N, C-alpha and C. Protein backbone atom coordinates (compact mmCIF):
# COMPACT_ATOMS: atom_id res chain seq x y z
N MET A 1 224.89 114.32 203.06
CA MET A 1 224.48 114.23 201.65
C MET A 1 223.05 113.70 201.57
N SER A 2 222.22 114.35 200.83
CA SER A 2 220.85 113.89 200.69
C SER A 2 220.80 112.68 199.78
N ASP A 3 219.87 111.77 200.08
CA ASP A 3 219.73 110.56 199.28
C ASP A 3 218.54 110.73 198.36
N ARG A 4 218.80 110.83 197.08
CA ARG A 4 217.73 111.02 196.11
C ARG A 4 217.45 109.75 195.33
N SER A 5 217.88 108.63 195.85
CA SER A 5 217.65 107.36 195.18
C SER A 5 216.16 107.08 195.06
N PRO A 6 215.70 106.61 193.87
CA PRO A 6 214.28 106.29 193.71
C PRO A 6 213.82 105.16 194.63
N LYS A 7 214.76 104.40 195.17
CA LYS A 7 214.38 103.30 196.05
C LYS A 7 213.78 103.82 197.36
N ASN A 8 213.97 105.09 197.66
CA ASN A 8 213.44 105.66 198.89
C ASN A 8 212.09 106.33 198.66
N SER A 9 211.47 106.08 197.56
CA SER A 9 210.21 106.77 197.26
C SER A 9 209.06 105.78 197.12
N LYS A 10 207.88 106.26 197.41
CA LYS A 10 206.67 105.45 197.22
C LYS A 10 206.47 105.13 195.74
N GLU A 11 206.90 106.08 194.89
CA GLU A 11 206.77 105.86 193.45
C GLU A 11 207.58 104.66 193.01
N TRP A 12 208.81 104.53 193.55
CA TRP A 12 209.64 103.37 193.21
C TRP A 12 208.95 102.09 193.64
N LEU A 13 208.38 102.07 194.84
CA LEU A 13 207.71 100.88 195.34
C LEU A 13 206.52 100.51 194.46
N ARG A 14 205.78 101.53 194.04
CA ARG A 14 204.62 101.26 193.16
C ARG A 14 205.07 100.64 191.85
N ARG A 15 206.13 101.22 191.25
CA ARG A 15 206.65 100.68 189.99
C ARG A 15 207.17 99.27 190.18
N HIS A 16 207.83 99.04 191.30
CA HIS A 16 208.40 97.73 191.56
C HIS A 16 207.32 96.66 191.64
N VAL A 17 206.27 96.94 192.40
CA VAL A 17 205.19 95.97 192.58
C VAL A 17 204.49 95.67 191.26
N ASN A 18 204.37 96.70 190.41
CA ASN A 18 203.67 96.53 189.13
C ASN A 18 204.58 96.11 187.98
N ASP A 19 205.87 95.99 188.27
CA ASP A 19 206.85 95.62 187.24
C ASP A 19 206.55 94.21 186.72
N PRO A 20 206.39 94.04 185.40
CA PRO A 20 206.08 92.71 184.87
C PRO A 20 207.18 91.69 185.12
N PHE A 21 208.44 92.14 185.18
CA PHE A 21 209.52 91.20 185.45
C PHE A 21 209.54 90.77 186.92
N VAL A 22 209.13 91.66 187.81
CA VAL A 22 208.98 91.27 189.21
C VAL A 22 207.87 90.23 189.34
N GLN A 23 206.76 90.50 188.69
CA GLN A 23 205.64 89.56 188.74
C GLN A 23 206.01 88.22 188.13
N GLN A 24 206.75 88.25 187.02
CA GLN A 24 207.16 87.01 186.36
C GLN A 24 208.15 86.23 187.21
N SER A 25 209.02 86.94 187.92
CA SER A 25 210.02 86.26 188.76
C SER A 25 209.34 85.46 189.87
N VAL A 26 208.23 85.97 190.37
CA VAL A 26 207.47 85.24 191.39
C VAL A 26 206.89 83.96 190.79
N LYS A 27 206.34 84.07 189.59
CA LYS A 27 205.76 82.90 188.93
C LYS A 27 206.81 81.85 188.59
N ASP A 28 207.98 82.31 188.15
CA ASP A 28 209.03 81.40 187.70
C ASP A 28 209.93 80.90 188.83
N GLY A 29 209.77 81.47 190.01
CA GLY A 29 210.56 81.02 191.15
C GLY A 29 211.96 81.62 191.23
N TYR A 30 212.19 82.72 190.52
CA TYR A 30 213.47 83.40 190.62
C TYR A 30 213.46 84.36 191.81
N ARG A 31 214.62 84.52 192.43
CA ARG A 31 214.72 85.34 193.63
C ARG A 31 214.74 86.83 193.34
N SER A 32 214.99 87.20 192.12
CA SER A 32 214.98 88.62 191.76
C SER A 32 214.69 88.78 190.27
N ARG A 33 214.19 89.96 189.91
CA ARG A 33 213.92 90.26 188.51
C ARG A 33 215.21 90.30 187.70
N ALA A 34 216.35 90.47 188.37
CA ALA A 34 217.63 90.52 187.68
C ALA A 34 217.92 89.24 186.90
N ALA A 35 217.28 88.16 187.27
CA ALA A 35 217.47 86.89 186.56
C ALA A 35 217.17 87.06 185.07
N TYR A 36 216.20 87.89 184.74
CA TYR A 36 215.80 88.04 183.33
C TYR A 36 216.82 88.84 182.53
N LYS A 37 217.58 89.71 183.20
CA LYS A 37 218.66 90.41 182.51
C LYS A 37 219.70 89.40 182.03
N LEU A 38 220.07 88.49 182.92
CA LEU A 38 221.06 87.47 182.55
C LEU A 38 220.51 86.52 181.50
N LEU A 39 219.27 86.12 181.64
CA LEU A 39 218.65 85.24 180.65
C LEU A 39 218.62 85.89 179.27
N GLN A 40 218.30 87.17 179.23
CA GLN A 40 218.24 87.88 177.94
C GLN A 40 219.62 88.03 177.32
N LEU A 41 220.63 88.28 178.15
CA LEU A 41 222.00 88.35 177.63
C LEU A 41 222.44 86.99 177.09
N HIS A 42 222.10 85.94 177.82
CA HIS A 42 222.48 84.60 177.36
C HIS A 42 221.73 84.21 176.08
N ASP A 43 220.47 84.58 176.00
CA ASP A 43 219.69 84.26 174.79
C ASP A 43 220.36 84.87 173.56
N LYS A 44 220.99 86.01 173.73
CA LYS A 44 221.63 86.69 172.60
C LYS A 44 223.03 86.15 172.30
N TYR A 45 223.80 85.83 173.36
CA TYR A 45 225.21 85.49 173.16
C TYR A 45 225.59 84.04 173.47
N LYS A 46 224.70 83.29 174.13
CA LYS A 46 224.92 81.86 174.37
C LYS A 46 226.27 81.57 175.04
N PHE A 47 226.57 82.27 176.13
CA PHE A 47 227.85 82.08 176.79
C PHE A 47 227.86 80.94 177.80
N PHE A 48 226.68 80.47 178.22
CA PHE A 48 226.62 79.31 179.11
C PHE A 48 226.61 78.03 178.29
N LYS A 49 227.33 77.02 178.80
CA LYS A 49 227.33 75.68 178.19
C LYS A 49 227.23 74.64 179.31
N PRO A 50 226.60 73.49 179.03
CA PRO A 50 226.55 72.44 180.05
C PRO A 50 227.95 72.04 180.51
N GLY A 51 228.09 71.82 181.82
CA GLY A 51 229.35 71.36 182.36
C GLY A 51 230.34 72.46 182.72
N GLN A 52 230.00 73.71 182.49
CA GLN A 52 230.92 74.81 182.77
C GLN A 52 231.09 75.07 184.27
N CYS A 53 232.16 75.79 184.58
CA CYS A 53 232.40 76.31 185.92
C CYS A 53 232.12 77.81 185.90
N VAL A 54 231.23 78.27 186.77
CA VAL A 54 230.77 79.66 186.78
C VAL A 54 230.94 80.24 188.18
N VAL A 55 231.36 81.50 188.26
CA VAL A 55 231.43 82.22 189.53
C VAL A 55 230.53 83.44 189.45
N ASP A 56 229.69 83.60 190.46
CA ASP A 56 228.76 84.73 190.55
C ASP A 56 229.21 85.61 191.71
N LEU A 57 229.81 86.76 191.39
CA LEU A 57 230.31 87.69 192.40
C LEU A 57 229.19 88.63 192.87
N GLY A 58 229.08 88.82 194.17
CA GLY A 58 227.99 89.64 194.70
C GLY A 58 226.66 88.99 194.42
N ALA A 59 226.57 87.71 194.72
CA ALA A 59 225.48 86.87 194.22
C ALA A 59 224.13 87.08 194.88
N ALA A 60 224.10 87.47 196.15
CA ALA A 60 222.83 87.57 196.88
C ALA A 60 221.87 88.55 196.19
N PRO A 61 220.59 88.22 196.12
CA PRO A 61 219.90 87.09 196.76
C PRO A 61 219.97 85.77 195.99
N GLY A 62 220.56 85.77 194.80
CA GLY A 62 220.78 84.51 194.11
C GLY A 62 220.12 84.32 192.77
N GLY A 63 219.50 85.37 192.23
CA GLY A 63 218.81 85.24 190.95
C GLY A 63 219.72 84.80 189.81
N TRP A 64 220.92 85.39 189.75
CA TRP A 64 221.85 85.01 188.68
C TRP A 64 222.40 83.61 188.90
N SER A 65 222.63 83.23 190.14
CA SER A 65 223.12 81.88 190.43
C SER A 65 222.07 80.84 190.03
N GLN A 66 220.80 81.16 190.24
CA GLN A 66 219.73 80.25 189.81
C GLN A 66 219.77 80.01 188.31
N VAL A 67 219.94 81.09 187.55
CA VAL A 67 220.02 80.96 186.10
C VAL A 67 221.25 80.15 185.71
N ALA A 68 222.39 80.46 186.32
CA ALA A 68 223.64 79.80 185.96
C ALA A 68 223.58 78.29 186.18
N ILE A 69 223.06 77.85 187.32
CA ILE A 69 223.04 76.41 187.59
C ILE A 69 222.05 75.71 186.67
N GLN A 70 220.99 76.39 186.28
CA GLN A 70 220.07 75.81 185.31
C GLN A 70 220.76 75.58 183.97
N LYS A 71 221.61 76.52 183.58
CA LYS A 71 222.25 76.46 182.26
C LYS A 71 223.43 75.48 182.22
N VAL A 72 224.21 75.38 183.29
CA VAL A 72 225.38 74.50 183.25
C VAL A 72 225.03 73.06 183.62
N GLY A 73 223.91 72.87 184.30
CA GLY A 73 223.43 71.52 184.57
C GLY A 73 224.16 70.80 185.69
N ASP A 74 223.80 69.53 185.87
CA ASP A 74 224.33 68.74 186.97
C ASP A 74 225.83 68.53 186.89
N ASN A 75 226.38 68.55 185.69
CA ASN A 75 227.82 68.34 185.52
C ASN A 75 228.62 69.64 185.62
N GLY A 76 227.93 70.74 185.78
CA GLY A 76 228.60 72.03 185.92
C GLY A 76 228.76 72.42 187.38
N LYS A 77 229.47 73.51 187.61
CA LYS A 77 229.68 74.03 188.96
C LYS A 77 229.39 75.53 188.97
N VAL A 78 228.70 75.96 190.02
CA VAL A 78 228.45 77.38 190.21
C VAL A 78 228.89 77.75 191.63
N PHE A 79 229.75 78.75 191.73
CA PHE A 79 230.19 79.29 193.01
C PHE A 79 229.59 80.68 193.18
N ALA A 80 228.90 80.89 194.28
CA ALA A 80 228.29 82.19 194.58
C ALA A 80 229.04 82.82 195.75
N LEU A 81 229.52 84.05 195.56
CA LEU A 81 230.27 84.75 196.60
C LEU A 81 229.58 86.06 196.93
N ASP A 82 229.42 86.32 198.23
CA ASP A 82 228.81 87.59 198.65
C ASP A 82 229.08 87.81 200.13
N ARG A 83 229.20 89.08 200.49
CA ARG A 83 229.34 89.43 201.90
C ARG A 83 228.04 89.19 202.66
N LEU A 84 226.92 89.31 201.94
CA LEU A 84 225.61 89.08 202.55
C LEU A 84 225.30 87.59 202.56
N ASP A 85 224.44 87.20 203.49
CA ASP A 85 224.00 85.81 203.54
C ASP A 85 223.08 85.52 202.36
N MET A 86 223.02 84.27 201.96
CA MET A 86 222.16 83.87 200.84
C MET A 86 221.58 82.49 201.14
N LYS A 87 220.30 82.35 200.94
CA LYS A 87 219.67 81.05 201.14
C LYS A 87 220.24 80.04 200.13
N PRO A 88 220.37 78.79 200.55
CA PRO A 88 220.97 77.78 199.67
C PRO A 88 220.21 77.61 198.36
N ILE A 89 220.96 77.31 197.31
CA ILE A 89 220.41 76.95 196.00
C ILE A 89 221.01 75.60 195.64
N ALA A 90 220.17 74.66 195.28
CA ALA A 90 220.65 73.31 194.95
C ALA A 90 221.70 73.37 193.85
N GLY A 91 222.86 72.76 194.11
CA GLY A 91 223.92 72.70 193.11
C GLY A 91 224.88 73.87 193.14
N VAL A 92 224.59 74.89 193.94
CA VAL A 92 225.42 76.10 194.02
C VAL A 92 226.23 76.08 195.32
N THR A 93 227.53 76.30 195.22
CA THR A 93 228.40 76.41 196.39
C THR A 93 228.49 77.88 196.79
N PHE A 94 227.98 78.19 197.98
CA PHE A 94 227.97 79.57 198.45
C PHE A 94 229.10 79.79 199.44
N ILE A 95 229.87 80.85 199.23
CA ILE A 95 230.93 81.26 200.15
C ILE A 95 230.63 82.69 200.59
N GLN A 96 230.38 82.86 201.89
CA GLN A 96 230.05 84.20 202.39
C GLN A 96 231.31 84.95 202.79
N GLY A 97 231.39 86.19 202.33
CA GLY A 97 232.53 87.04 202.65
C GLY A 97 232.92 87.91 201.47
N ASP A 98 233.86 88.79 201.70
CA ASP A 98 234.40 89.69 200.68
C ASP A 98 235.44 88.93 199.86
N PHE A 99 235.19 88.76 198.57
CA PHE A 99 236.07 87.93 197.75
C PHE A 99 237.47 88.52 197.57
N THR A 100 237.64 89.79 197.97
CA THR A 100 238.97 90.39 197.88
C THR A 100 239.82 90.09 199.12
N GLU A 101 239.23 89.51 200.15
CA GLU A 101 239.96 89.20 201.37
C GLU A 101 240.61 87.83 201.28
N SER A 102 241.80 87.70 201.83
CA SER A 102 242.59 86.47 201.68
C SER A 102 241.89 85.24 202.25
N GLU A 103 241.18 85.40 203.35
CA GLU A 103 240.50 84.25 203.96
C GLU A 103 239.43 83.69 203.02
N VAL A 104 238.66 84.58 202.42
CA VAL A 104 237.60 84.15 201.49
C VAL A 104 238.23 83.56 200.23
N GLU A 105 239.28 84.20 199.74
CA GLU A 105 239.97 83.70 198.55
C GLU A 105 240.51 82.30 198.79
N THR A 106 241.05 82.04 199.98
CA THR A 106 241.56 80.71 200.31
C THR A 106 240.44 79.66 200.28
N LEU A 107 239.29 80.03 200.83
CA LEU A 107 238.14 79.11 200.80
C LEU A 107 237.71 78.82 199.37
N PHE A 108 237.71 79.86 198.54
CA PHE A 108 237.31 79.69 197.15
C PHE A 108 238.29 78.80 196.40
N ILE A 109 239.57 79.06 196.56
CA ILE A 109 240.59 78.26 195.87
C ILE A 109 240.48 76.79 196.27
N SER A 110 240.23 76.55 197.54
CA SER A 110 240.07 75.17 198.01
C SER A 110 238.86 74.51 197.37
N ALA A 111 237.74 75.23 197.30
CA ALA A 111 236.51 74.68 196.70
C ALA A 111 236.67 74.46 195.20
N LEU A 112 237.50 75.30 194.57
CA LEU A 112 237.71 75.22 193.12
C LEU A 112 238.47 73.96 192.71
N GLU A 113 239.30 73.46 193.62
CA GLU A 113 240.04 72.21 193.41
C GLU A 113 240.87 72.23 192.12
N GLY A 114 241.55 73.34 191.89
CA GLY A 114 242.45 73.43 190.75
C GLY A 114 241.80 73.70 189.41
N GLN A 115 240.48 73.80 189.39
CA GLN A 115 239.76 74.05 188.14
C GLN A 115 239.84 75.52 187.76
N LYS A 116 239.78 75.80 186.48
CA LYS A 116 239.69 77.16 185.99
C LYS A 116 238.23 77.50 185.69
N VAL A 117 237.91 78.79 185.64
CA VAL A 117 236.54 79.25 185.52
C VAL A 117 236.21 79.61 184.07
N ASP A 118 235.04 79.18 183.62
CA ASP A 118 234.58 79.48 182.26
C ASP A 118 233.90 80.84 182.17
N VAL A 119 233.07 81.15 183.17
CA VAL A 119 232.28 82.38 183.14
C VAL A 119 232.32 83.05 184.51
N VAL A 120 232.64 84.34 184.53
CA VAL A 120 232.55 85.15 185.74
C VAL A 120 231.40 86.13 185.57
N LEU A 121 230.51 86.15 186.55
CA LEU A 121 229.35 87.04 186.53
C LEU A 121 229.48 88.06 187.65
N SER A 122 229.07 89.28 187.38
CA SER A 122 229.02 90.30 188.42
C SER A 122 227.86 91.25 188.18
N ASP A 123 226.86 91.14 189.02
CA ASP A 123 225.74 92.10 189.00
C ASP A 123 225.88 93.06 190.19
N MET A 124 227.12 93.20 190.66
CA MET A 124 227.37 94.05 191.83
C MET A 124 227.07 95.51 191.52
N ALA A 125 226.58 96.19 192.53
CA ALA A 125 226.35 97.63 192.43
C ALA A 125 226.59 98.23 193.81
N PRO A 126 227.09 99.45 193.87
CA PRO A 126 227.30 100.09 195.17
C PRO A 126 225.97 100.50 195.78
N ASN A 127 225.98 100.75 197.09
CA ASN A 127 224.81 101.37 197.71
C ASN A 127 224.67 102.77 197.14
N LEU A 128 223.58 103.01 196.43
CA LEU A 128 223.44 104.25 195.68
C LEU A 128 223.11 105.43 196.59
N SER A 129 223.85 106.52 196.38
CA SER A 129 223.62 107.76 197.13
C SER A 129 222.66 108.68 196.39
N GLY A 130 222.50 108.44 195.09
CA GLY A 130 221.71 109.36 194.27
C GLY A 130 222.56 110.42 193.61
N GLU A 131 223.85 110.45 193.93
CA GLU A 131 224.78 111.41 193.34
C GLU A 131 225.63 110.70 192.29
N PRO A 132 225.41 110.95 191.01
CA PRO A 132 226.17 110.25 189.96
C PRO A 132 227.69 110.39 190.12
N SER A 133 228.15 111.53 190.59
CA SER A 133 229.59 111.75 190.74
C SER A 133 230.19 110.85 191.81
N VAL A 134 229.35 110.33 192.68
CA VAL A 134 229.79 109.41 193.73
C VAL A 134 229.53 107.96 193.32
N ASP A 135 228.32 107.71 192.82
CA ASP A 135 227.90 106.34 192.53
C ASP A 135 228.67 105.70 191.38
N GLN A 136 228.92 106.48 190.31
CA GLN A 136 229.56 105.90 189.12
C GLN A 136 230.99 105.44 189.39
N PRO A 137 231.82 106.24 190.07
CA PRO A 137 233.17 105.74 190.40
C PRO A 137 233.14 104.50 191.28
N ARG A 138 232.18 104.43 192.20
CA ARG A 138 232.05 103.24 193.04
C ARG A 138 231.71 102.01 192.20
N ALA A 139 230.83 102.20 191.22
CA ALA A 139 230.45 101.09 190.34
C ALA A 139 231.64 100.65 189.49
N ILE A 140 232.42 101.59 188.99
CA ILE A 140 233.60 101.27 188.19
C ILE A 140 234.60 100.48 189.03
N TYR A 141 234.76 100.88 190.28
CA TYR A 141 235.69 100.18 191.17
C TYR A 141 235.27 98.72 191.34
N LEU A 142 233.98 98.46 191.50
CA LEU A 142 233.51 97.08 191.62
C LEU A 142 233.80 96.30 190.34
N CYS A 143 233.66 96.95 189.21
CA CYS A 143 233.97 96.30 187.93
C CYS A 143 235.46 95.97 187.85
N GLU A 144 236.29 96.87 188.33
CA GLU A 144 237.73 96.63 188.32
C GLU A 144 238.08 95.43 189.19
N LEU A 145 237.39 95.29 190.32
CA LEU A 145 237.60 94.13 191.18
C LEU A 145 237.17 92.84 190.47
N ALA A 146 236.03 92.89 189.77
CA ALA A 146 235.55 91.72 189.04
C ALA A 146 236.50 91.34 187.92
N LEU A 147 237.02 92.34 187.21
CA LEU A 147 237.98 92.08 186.13
C LEU A 147 239.25 91.46 186.68
N ASP A 148 239.76 91.99 187.79
CA ASP A 148 240.96 91.44 188.39
C ASP A 148 240.74 89.99 188.82
N PHE A 149 239.58 89.71 189.39
CA PHE A 149 239.24 88.34 189.78
C PHE A 149 239.24 87.43 188.55
N ALA A 150 238.58 87.86 187.49
CA ALA A 150 238.50 87.05 186.27
C ALA A 150 239.88 86.76 185.71
N MET A 151 240.77 87.73 185.73
CA MET A 151 242.10 87.55 185.18
C MET A 151 242.91 86.52 185.98
N HIS A 152 242.58 86.34 187.23
CA HIS A 152 243.28 85.38 188.07
C HIS A 152 242.77 83.95 187.89
N TYR A 153 241.48 83.79 187.63
CA TYR A 153 240.87 82.46 187.72
C TYR A 153 240.24 81.95 186.42
N MET A 154 240.19 82.76 185.40
CA MET A 154 239.45 82.38 184.19
C MET A 154 240.29 81.57 183.21
N LYS A 155 239.63 80.65 182.53
CA LYS A 155 240.24 79.89 181.44
C LYS A 155 240.51 80.80 180.24
N PRO A 156 241.47 80.42 179.40
CA PRO A 156 241.59 81.11 178.10
C PRO A 156 240.26 81.03 177.36
N SER A 157 239.87 82.12 176.72
CA SER A 157 238.61 82.23 175.97
C SER A 157 237.39 82.29 176.87
N GLY A 158 237.59 82.53 178.19
CA GLY A 158 236.46 82.66 179.10
C GLY A 158 235.67 83.93 178.89
N THR A 159 234.55 84.04 179.62
CA THR A 159 233.61 85.16 179.45
C THR A 159 233.37 85.86 180.78
N LEU A 160 233.34 87.18 180.73
CA LEU A 160 233.01 88.01 181.89
C LEU A 160 231.77 88.82 181.57
N VAL A 161 230.76 88.70 182.42
CA VAL A 161 229.53 89.48 182.27
C VAL A 161 229.37 90.33 183.52
N MET A 162 229.32 91.65 183.36
CA MET A 162 229.22 92.49 184.56
C MET A 162 228.48 93.78 184.30
N LYS A 163 227.88 94.27 185.38
CA LYS A 163 227.10 95.51 185.32
C LYS A 163 227.99 96.71 185.62
N THR A 164 227.70 97.80 184.94
CA THR A 164 228.33 99.07 185.29
C THR A 164 227.34 100.19 184.97
N PHE A 165 227.79 101.43 185.11
CA PHE A 165 226.95 102.59 184.84
C PHE A 165 227.71 103.55 183.94
N HIS A 166 227.00 104.18 183.05
CA HIS A 166 227.63 105.20 182.20
C HIS A 166 228.12 106.36 183.06
N GLY A 167 229.25 106.91 182.65
CA GLY A 167 229.80 108.04 183.38
C GLY A 167 231.23 108.31 182.97
N LYS A 168 231.91 109.10 183.79
CA LYS A 168 233.23 109.63 183.47
C LYS A 168 234.27 108.55 183.16
N ASP A 169 234.28 107.45 183.90
CA ASP A 169 235.33 106.43 183.77
C ASP A 169 234.91 105.24 182.90
N PHE A 170 233.77 105.37 182.25
CA PHE A 170 233.24 104.26 181.46
C PHE A 170 234.21 103.85 180.35
N GLU A 171 234.72 104.83 179.60
CA GLU A 171 235.58 104.53 178.46
C GLU A 171 236.91 103.90 178.91
N SER A 172 237.41 104.31 180.06
CA SER A 172 238.64 103.72 180.57
C SER A 172 238.45 102.25 180.89
N LEU A 173 237.31 101.92 181.48
CA LEU A 173 237.01 100.52 181.79
C LEU A 173 236.84 99.72 180.51
N LEU A 174 236.16 100.29 179.53
CA LEU A 174 235.98 99.63 178.25
C LEU A 174 237.33 99.32 177.60
N LYS A 175 238.25 100.28 177.67
CA LYS A 175 239.59 100.08 177.11
C LYS A 175 240.32 98.96 177.84
N ALA A 176 240.19 98.90 179.16
CA ALA A 176 240.83 97.84 179.94
C ALA A 176 240.29 96.47 179.58
N LEU A 177 238.99 96.39 179.35
CA LEU A 177 238.38 95.12 178.96
C LEU A 177 238.86 94.69 177.58
N ARG A 178 238.95 95.62 176.66
CA ARG A 178 239.39 95.30 175.29
C ARG A 178 240.84 94.83 175.26
N ALA A 179 241.62 95.25 176.26
CA ALA A 179 243.01 94.80 176.34
C ALA A 179 243.11 93.35 176.79
N GLN A 180 242.06 92.86 177.46
CA GLN A 180 242.11 91.51 178.04
C GLN A 180 241.22 90.50 177.32
N PHE A 181 240.26 90.98 176.52
CA PHE A 181 239.31 90.09 175.86
C PHE A 181 239.24 90.40 174.36
N LYS A 182 238.99 89.38 173.59
CA LYS A 182 238.94 89.54 172.14
C LYS A 182 237.70 90.32 171.70
N ILE A 183 236.58 90.08 172.37
CA ILE A 183 235.32 90.73 171.99
C ILE A 183 234.69 91.35 173.23
N VAL A 184 234.30 92.61 173.13
CA VAL A 184 233.62 93.29 174.24
C VAL A 184 232.36 93.96 173.70
N LYS A 185 231.23 93.60 174.26
CA LYS A 185 229.95 94.18 173.88
C LYS A 185 229.36 94.96 175.06
N VAL A 186 228.61 96.00 174.74
CA VAL A 186 227.88 96.76 175.75
C VAL A 186 226.40 96.58 175.47
N GLU A 187 225.66 96.10 176.45
CA GLU A 187 224.25 95.78 176.24
C GLU A 187 223.38 96.36 177.36
N LYS A 188 222.17 96.69 176.99
CA LYS A 188 221.14 97.04 177.98
C LYS A 188 219.95 96.14 177.72
N PRO A 189 219.85 95.03 178.46
CA PRO A 189 218.76 94.09 178.20
C PRO A 189 217.39 94.70 178.49
N GLU A 190 216.39 94.12 177.89
CA GLU A 190 215.02 94.64 178.03
C GLU A 190 214.59 94.72 179.50
N ALA A 191 215.05 93.76 180.30
CA ALA A 191 214.65 93.72 181.71
C ALA A 191 215.29 94.82 182.54
N SER A 192 216.28 95.52 182.00
CA SER A 192 216.88 96.65 182.69
C SER A 192 215.91 97.83 182.61
N ARG A 193 215.64 98.43 183.74
CA ARG A 193 214.66 99.51 183.76
C ARG A 193 215.11 100.68 182.89
N VAL A 194 214.17 101.27 182.19
CA VAL A 194 214.47 102.31 181.21
C VAL A 194 215.18 103.49 181.85
N HIS A 195 214.76 103.88 183.05
CA HIS A 195 215.34 105.06 183.69
C HIS A 195 216.73 104.81 184.26
N SER A 196 217.10 103.54 184.39
CA SER A 196 218.39 103.21 184.98
C SER A 196 219.53 103.44 183.99
N LYS A 197 220.66 103.94 184.49
CA LYS A 197 221.84 104.15 183.66
C LYS A 197 222.72 102.90 183.59
N GLU A 198 222.26 101.82 184.17
CA GLU A 198 223.06 100.60 184.14
C GLU A 198 223.14 100.02 182.73
N VAL A 199 224.29 99.46 182.42
CA VAL A 199 224.51 98.69 181.21
C VAL A 199 225.36 97.49 181.59
N TYR A 200 225.46 96.55 180.68
CA TYR A 200 226.22 95.34 180.96
C TYR A 200 227.33 95.16 179.94
N PHE A 201 228.51 94.87 180.45
CA PHE A 201 229.61 94.46 179.60
C PHE A 201 229.55 92.95 179.43
N LEU A 202 229.69 92.50 178.20
CA LEU A 202 229.85 91.09 177.92
C LEU A 202 231.18 90.95 177.18
N ALA A 203 232.19 90.48 177.92
CA ALA A 203 233.55 90.36 177.39
C ALA A 203 233.87 88.88 177.21
N SER A 204 234.19 88.48 175.99
CA SER A 204 234.46 87.07 175.71
C SER A 204 235.79 86.90 175.02
N GLY A 205 236.33 85.69 175.14
CA GLY A 205 237.62 85.40 174.52
C GLY A 205 238.78 85.94 175.34
N PHE A 206 238.83 85.53 176.60
CA PHE A 206 239.89 86.00 177.49
C PHE A 206 241.26 85.67 176.92
N LYS A 207 242.14 86.66 176.87
CA LYS A 207 243.46 86.52 176.25
C LYS A 207 244.54 86.11 177.24
N LEU A 208 244.32 85.20 178.08
CA LEU A 208 245.26 84.74 179.11
C LEU A 208 246.66 85.30 178.99
């Protein structure tokens, strides 16, 4: 299968280097431009509160975890989970591994110490092939994993923020979210690139 992803092109690299959010992330000390997507969603919906417990699924390189720990403060907790390694972030507990595997889940449960989670974040995306018929189902599957995780560990009235892509199974996922949360919004923050089909679900009011 040919890979037509823009990430394999010189044009993508040029746009990336000149991207104002990339440039701003360097100035602000964020590990990725994705931090601004989360900041913009929070500015609109105010889902972070001091002292909360937050889980960031697929956290590497850590841009969203950086935002989360800033928002919940010293009395809050942020757990970052990813199969990839991630450099430490002050105040963030990092667990490396696949969160769907029992060994990693056991480590997480132990670190959680019986606490329930206020906010689950997922900026996970599959390795893109450039074929929408392949990439979109993979993205939906990751969302289903994030939703299942949230249903196991989230407090009543908790919030799930996750990335997905428009496509064939989008409406089915939206229906599943509405069955579990009181309010479900679909957003495309300004920091999301215009050409990208990514959107973000913000589901609040978990119906335990």
